[in-house]
Amino acid sequence: MKAADKLYYARAVIGFVAGVGSALISGLELSPLPFFVGWALGMAWAIALYVATYKVLKRYFLGELKRRDIALLGLEAYVLMWLMSWTLFYTLLGFWA
């Protein structure tokens, strides 16, 4: 498997994990705060996780890929998996809670 493929699939898996984390964060009952604060924290979690994993993956793939490729390759997979898993787990948490 090529380095680009490994990076793409790693971003998809990390996006799924970020979505689960966002669902847990946004599903918390922060009673004195408005409802959209949980959503903003969920989005901030996903952005922070992407930046943190970029720094980790940059060390791993720097010899094989360019910095720009490391930063952007798999971004769409990350975002789509994050949104899909956030929506799915947020709905499941709301349904079973």
N, C-alpha and C. Protein backbone atom coordinates (compact mmCIF):
# COMPACT_ATOMS: atom_id res chain seq x y z
N MET A 1 0.85 -1.17 0.00
CA MET A 1 0.00 0.00 0.00
C MET A 1 0.90 1.24 0.00
N LYS A 2 0.54 2.20 -0.81
CA LYS A 2 1.33 3.42 -0.92
C LYS A 2 1.14 4.30 0.31
N ALA A 3 2.07 5.22 0.49
CA ALA A 3 2.01 6.14 1.64
C ALA A 3 0.76 7.02 1.56
N ALA A 4 0.39 7.44 0.36
CA ALA A 4 -0.80 8.29 0.20
C ALA A 4 -2.06 7.53 0.60
N ASP A 5 -2.12 6.25 0.26
CA ASP A 5 -3.28 5.45 0.64
C ASP A 5 -3.36 5.27 2.15
N LYS A 6 -2.22 5.02 2.77
CA LYS A 6 -2.19 4.88 4.23
C LYS A 6 -2.66 6.15 4.92
N LEU A 7 -2.20 7.29 4.41
CA LEU A 7 -2.59 8.57 4.99
C LEU A 7 -4.09 8.81 4.81
N TYR A 8 -4.61 8.50 3.63
CA TYR A 8 -6.03 8.71 3.36
C TYR A 8 -6.90 7.89 4.31
N TYR A 9 -6.59 6.62 4.45
CA TYR A 9 -7.39 5.75 5.32
C TYR A 9 -7.20 6.09 6.80
N ALA A 10 -6.01 6.53 7.16
CA ALA A 10 -5.79 6.96 8.54
C ALA A 10 -6.65 8.18 8.85
N ARG A 11 -6.74 9.11 7.91
CA ARG A 11 -7.59 10.29 8.12
C ARG A 11 -9.05 9.90 8.22
N ALA A 12 -9.49 8.93 7.46
CA ALA A 12 -10.89 8.48 7.56
C ALA A 12 -11.18 7.89 8.92
N VAL A 13 -10.28 7.06 9.43
CA VAL A 13 -10.48 6.45 10.75
C VAL A 13 -10.43 7.52 11.84
N ILE A 14 -9.50 8.45 11.72
CA ILE A 14 -9.40 9.53 12.71
C ILE A 14 -10.65 10.41 12.66
N GLY A 15 -11.21 10.61 11.47
CA GLY A 15 -12.46 11.37 11.34
C GLY A 15 -13.61 10.68 12.03
N PHE A 16 -13.65 9.36 11.95
CA PHE A 16 -14.69 8.60 12.65
C PHE A 16 -14.55 8.77 14.16
N VAL A 17 -13.34 8.67 14.65
CA VAL A 17 -13.08 8.84 16.09
C VAL A 17 -13.44 10.27 16.53
N ALA A 18 -13.10 11.24 15.69
CA ALA A 18 -13.44 12.63 16.01
C ALA A 18 -14.95 12.83 16.06
N GLY A 19 -15.69 12.15 15.20
CA GLY A 19 -17.14 12.25 15.22
C GLY A 19 -17.75 11.66 16.48
N VAL A 20 -17.21 10.54 16.93
CA VAL A 20 -17.69 9.94 18.18
C VAL A 20 -17.41 10.88 19.35
N GLY A 21 -16.21 11.45 19.37
CA GLY A 21 -15.87 12.42 20.42
C GLY A 21 -16.75 13.66 20.38
N SER A 22 -17.02 14.14 19.17
CA SER A 22 -17.90 15.31 19.04
C SER A 22 -19.31 15.01 19.51
N ALA A 23 -19.79 13.81 19.23
CA ALA A 23 -21.13 13.43 19.69
C ALA A 23 -21.19 13.37 21.21
N LEU A 24 -20.15 12.83 21.81
CA LEU A 24 -20.12 12.78 23.28
C LEU A 24 -20.03 14.17 23.89
N ILE A 25 -19.22 15.02 23.29
CA ILE A 25 -19.07 16.39 23.82
C ILE A 25 -20.35 17.18 23.63
N SER A 26 -20.94 17.11 22.43
CA SER A 26 -22.14 17.91 22.17
C SER A 26 -23.37 17.33 22.86
N GLY A 27 -23.33 16.07 23.25
CA GLY A 27 -24.45 15.46 23.95
C GLY A 27 -24.47 15.75 25.43
N LEU A 28 -23.41 16.33 25.94
CA LEU A 28 -23.38 16.67 27.37
C LEU A 28 -24.40 17.74 27.68
N GLU A 29 -25.00 17.64 28.82
CA GLU A 29 -25.97 18.65 29.25
C GLU A 29 -25.25 19.75 30.00
N LEU A 30 -24.96 20.82 29.31
CA LEU A 30 -24.33 21.99 29.93
C LEU A 30 -25.45 22.98 30.23
N SER A 31 -26.13 22.79 31.33
CA SER A 31 -27.39 23.47 31.61
C SER A 31 -27.34 25.00 31.60
N PRO A 32 -26.35 25.68 32.18
CA PRO A 32 -26.45 27.14 32.15
C PRO A 32 -26.08 27.75 30.80
N LEU A 33 -25.53 26.97 29.92
CA LEU A 33 -25.09 27.49 28.62
C LEU A 33 -26.11 27.16 27.54
N PRO A 34 -26.17 27.97 26.48
CA PRO A 34 -27.09 27.68 25.37
C PRO A 34 -26.73 26.37 24.67
N PHE A 35 -27.69 25.82 23.93
CA PHE A 35 -27.51 24.50 23.31
C PHE A 35 -26.39 24.48 22.28
N PHE A 36 -26.12 25.59 21.60
CA PHE A 36 -25.13 25.59 20.52
C PHE A 36 -23.70 25.58 21.03
N VAL A 37 -23.49 25.77 22.32
CA VAL A 37 -22.13 25.72 22.87
C VAL A 37 -21.57 24.30 22.76
N GLY A 38 -22.40 23.31 22.99
CA GLY A 38 -21.97 21.92 22.83
C GLY A 38 -21.57 21.61 21.40
N TRP A 39 -22.31 22.15 20.45
CA TRP A 39 -21.98 21.95 19.04
C TRP A 39 -20.67 22.65 18.69
N ALA A 40 -20.48 23.86 19.21
CA ALA A 40 -19.23 24.59 18.95
C ALA A 40 -18.04 23.84 19.56
N LEU A 41 -18.23 23.27 20.75
CA LEU A 41 -17.16 22.49 21.36
C LEU A 41 -16.87 21.22 20.55
N GLY A 42 -17.89 20.62 19.99
CA GLY A 42 -17.70 19.44 19.15
C GLY A 42 -16.92 19.76 17.89
N MET A 43 -17.21 20.90 17.28
CA MET A 43 -16.46 21.33 16.10
C MET A 43 -15.02 21.69 16.47
N ALA A 44 -14.85 22.36 17.59
CA ALA A 44 -13.50 22.72 18.04
C ALA A 44 -12.67 21.47 18.32
N TRP A 45 -13.31 20.44 18.89
CA TRP A 45 -12.63 19.16 19.14
C TRP A 45 -12.14 18.55 17.83
N ALA A 46 -12.98 18.56 16.80
CA ALA A 46 -12.60 17.96 15.52
C ALA A 46 -11.46 18.73 14.86
N ILE A 47 -11.51 20.05 14.93
CA ILE A 47 -10.43 20.86 14.35
C ILE A 47 -9.13 20.64 15.11
N ALA A 48 -9.21 20.63 16.43
CA ALA A 48 -8.00 20.42 17.23
C ALA A 48 -7.41 19.03 16.99
N LEU A 49 -8.26 18.03 16.84
CA LEU A 49 -7.77 16.68 16.58
C LEU A 49 -7.12 16.59 15.21
N TYR A 50 -7.66 17.29 14.22
CA TYR A 50 -7.06 17.28 12.88
C TYR A 50 -5.68 17.92 12.92
N VAL A 51 -5.56 19.04 13.59
CA VAL A 51 -4.27 19.73 13.68
C VAL A 51 -3.26 18.87 14.44
N ALA A 52 -3.68 18.25 15.52
CA ALA A 52 -2.77 17.41 16.31
C ALA A 52 -2.32 16.19 15.51
N THR A 53 -3.25 15.56 14.80
CA THR A 53 -2.86 14.40 14.01
C THR A 53 -2.02 14.80 12.80
N TYR A 54 -2.21 16.01 12.28
CA TYR A 54 -1.35 16.48 11.20
C TYR A 54 0.10 16.54 11.67
N LYS A 55 0.30 17.05 12.86
CA LYS A 55 1.66 17.16 13.39
C LYS A 55 2.28 15.78 13.61
N VAL A 56 1.48 14.83 14.06
CA VAL A 56 1.99 13.47 14.27
C VAL A 56 2.26 12.79 12.93
N LEU A 57 1.32 12.89 12.01
CA LEU A 57 1.47 12.24 10.71
C LEU A 57 2.56 12.88 9.87
N LYS A 58 2.82 14.16 10.09
CA LYS A 58 3.89 14.84 9.36
C LYS A 58 5.24 14.19 9.67
N ARG A 59 5.45 13.83 10.90
CA ARG A 59 6.70 13.17 11.27
C ARG A 59 6.82 11.80 10.61
N TYR A 60 5.72 11.12 10.46
CA TYR A 60 5.71 9.76 9.92
C TYR A 60 5.86 9.75 8.39
N PHE A 61 5.21 10.68 7.69
CA PHE A 61 5.17 10.66 6.24
C PHE A 61 6.04 11.69 5.55
N LEU A 62 6.83 12.47 6.27
CA LEU A 62 7.56 13.59 5.67
C LEU A 62 8.56 13.13 4.61
N GLY A 63 9.18 12.00 4.76
CA GLY A 63 10.13 11.54 3.75
C GLY A 63 9.47 11.08 2.47
N GLU A 64 8.21 10.67 2.53
CA GLU A 64 7.54 10.10 1.38
C GLU A 64 6.59 11.07 0.67
N LEU A 65 6.04 12.03 1.40
CA LEU A 65 5.07 12.97 0.83
C LEU A 65 5.49 14.40 1.15
N LYS A 66 4.98 15.34 0.35
CA LYS A 66 5.23 16.76 0.61
C LYS A 66 4.36 17.23 1.78
N ARG A 67 4.74 18.35 2.37
CA ARG A 67 3.97 18.91 3.48
C ARG A 67 2.54 19.24 3.07
N ARG A 68 2.38 19.80 1.90
CA ARG A 68 1.04 20.16 1.43
C ARG A 68 0.18 18.92 1.25
N ASP A 69 0.77 17.85 0.72
CA ASP A 69 0.02 16.61 0.56
C ASP A 69 -0.37 16.02 1.90
N ILE A 70 0.52 16.10 2.87
CA ILE A 70 0.21 15.59 4.20
C ILE A 70 -0.93 16.39 4.83
N ALA A 71 -0.94 17.69 4.58
CA ALA A 71 -1.96 18.55 5.18
C ALA A 71 -3.33 18.34 4.53
N LEU A 72 -3.37 18.13 3.22
CA LEU A 72 -4.65 18.13 2.52
C LEU A 72 -5.16 16.77 2.08
N LEU A 73 -4.27 15.79 1.96
CA LEU A 73 -4.69 14.48 1.50
C LEU A 73 -5.57 13.81 2.56
N GLY A 74 -6.75 13.46 2.20
CA GLY A 74 -7.68 12.81 3.12
C GLY A 74 -8.54 13.79 3.90
N LEU A 75 -8.46 15.07 3.59
CA LEU A 75 -9.28 16.06 4.30
C LEU A 75 -10.76 15.81 4.08
N GLU A 76 -11.14 15.50 2.85
CA GLU A 76 -12.56 15.25 2.58
C GLU A 76 -13.03 13.97 3.26
N ALA A 77 -12.19 12.96 3.33
CA ALA A 77 -12.56 11.73 4.04
C ALA A 77 -12.73 12.03 5.53
N TYR A 78 -11.84 12.85 6.08
CA TYR A 78 -11.94 13.21 7.49
C TYR A 78 -13.24 13.95 7.77
N VAL A 79 -13.53 14.95 6.97
CA VAL A 79 -14.73 15.77 7.21
C VAL A 79 -16.00 14.95 7.04
N LEU A 80 -16.07 14.14 5.99
CA LEU A 80 -17.28 13.36 5.76
C LEU A 80 -17.47 12.27 6.83
N MET A 81 -16.41 11.60 7.22
CA MET A 81 -16.53 10.59 8.28
C MET A 81 -16.87 11.25 9.61
N TRP A 82 -16.31 12.42 9.86
CA TRP A 82 -16.61 13.14 11.10
C TRP A 82 -18.08 13.52 11.14
N LEU A 83 -18.58 14.10 10.08
CA LEU A 83 -20.00 14.50 10.05
C LEU A 83 -20.94 13.29 10.15
N MET A 84 -20.60 12.23 9.42
CA MET A 84 -21.45 11.04 9.44
C MET A 84 -21.48 10.41 10.83
N SER A 85 -20.32 10.23 11.43
CA SER A 85 -20.29 9.57 12.74
C SER A 85 -20.83 10.49 13.83
N TRP A 86 -20.62 11.79 13.72
CA TRP A 86 -21.18 12.71 14.70
C TRP A 86 -22.70 12.65 14.65
N THR A 87 -23.26 12.71 13.45
CA THR A 87 -24.71 12.66 13.30
C THR A 87 -25.27 11.33 13.80
N LEU A 88 -24.63 10.24 13.43
CA LEU A 88 -25.11 8.92 13.82
C LEU A 88 -25.08 8.75 15.34
N PHE A 89 -23.96 9.04 15.97
CA PHE A 89 -23.85 8.81 17.40
C PHE A 89 -24.60 9.85 18.22
N TYR A 90 -24.72 11.06 17.73
CA TYR A 90 -25.53 12.06 18.41
C TYR A 90 -27.01 11.62 18.41
N THR A 91 -27.46 11.09 17.28
CA THR A 91 -28.83 10.60 17.18
C THR A 91 -29.05 9.40 18.09
N LEU A 92 -28.11 8.47 18.08
CA LEU A 92 -28.24 7.29 18.94
C LEU A 92 -28.22 7.67 20.41
N LEU A 93 -27.38 8.59 20.79
CA LEU A 93 -27.35 9.03 22.18
C LEU A 93 -28.64 9.73 22.58
N GLY A 94 -29.19 10.50 21.68
CA GLY A 94 -30.45 11.19 21.96
C GLY A 94 -31.62 10.24 21.99
N PHE A 95 -31.55 9.19 21.17
CA PHE A 95 -32.66 8.24 21.10
C PHE A 95 -32.66 7.33 22.34
N TRP A 96 -31.51 6.88 22.76
CA TRP A 96 -31.44 5.95 23.88
C TRP A 96 -31.40 6.64 25.23
N ALA A 97 -31.12 7.91 25.25
CA ALA A 97 -31.01 8.61 26.53
C ALA A 97 -32.34 8.89 27.16
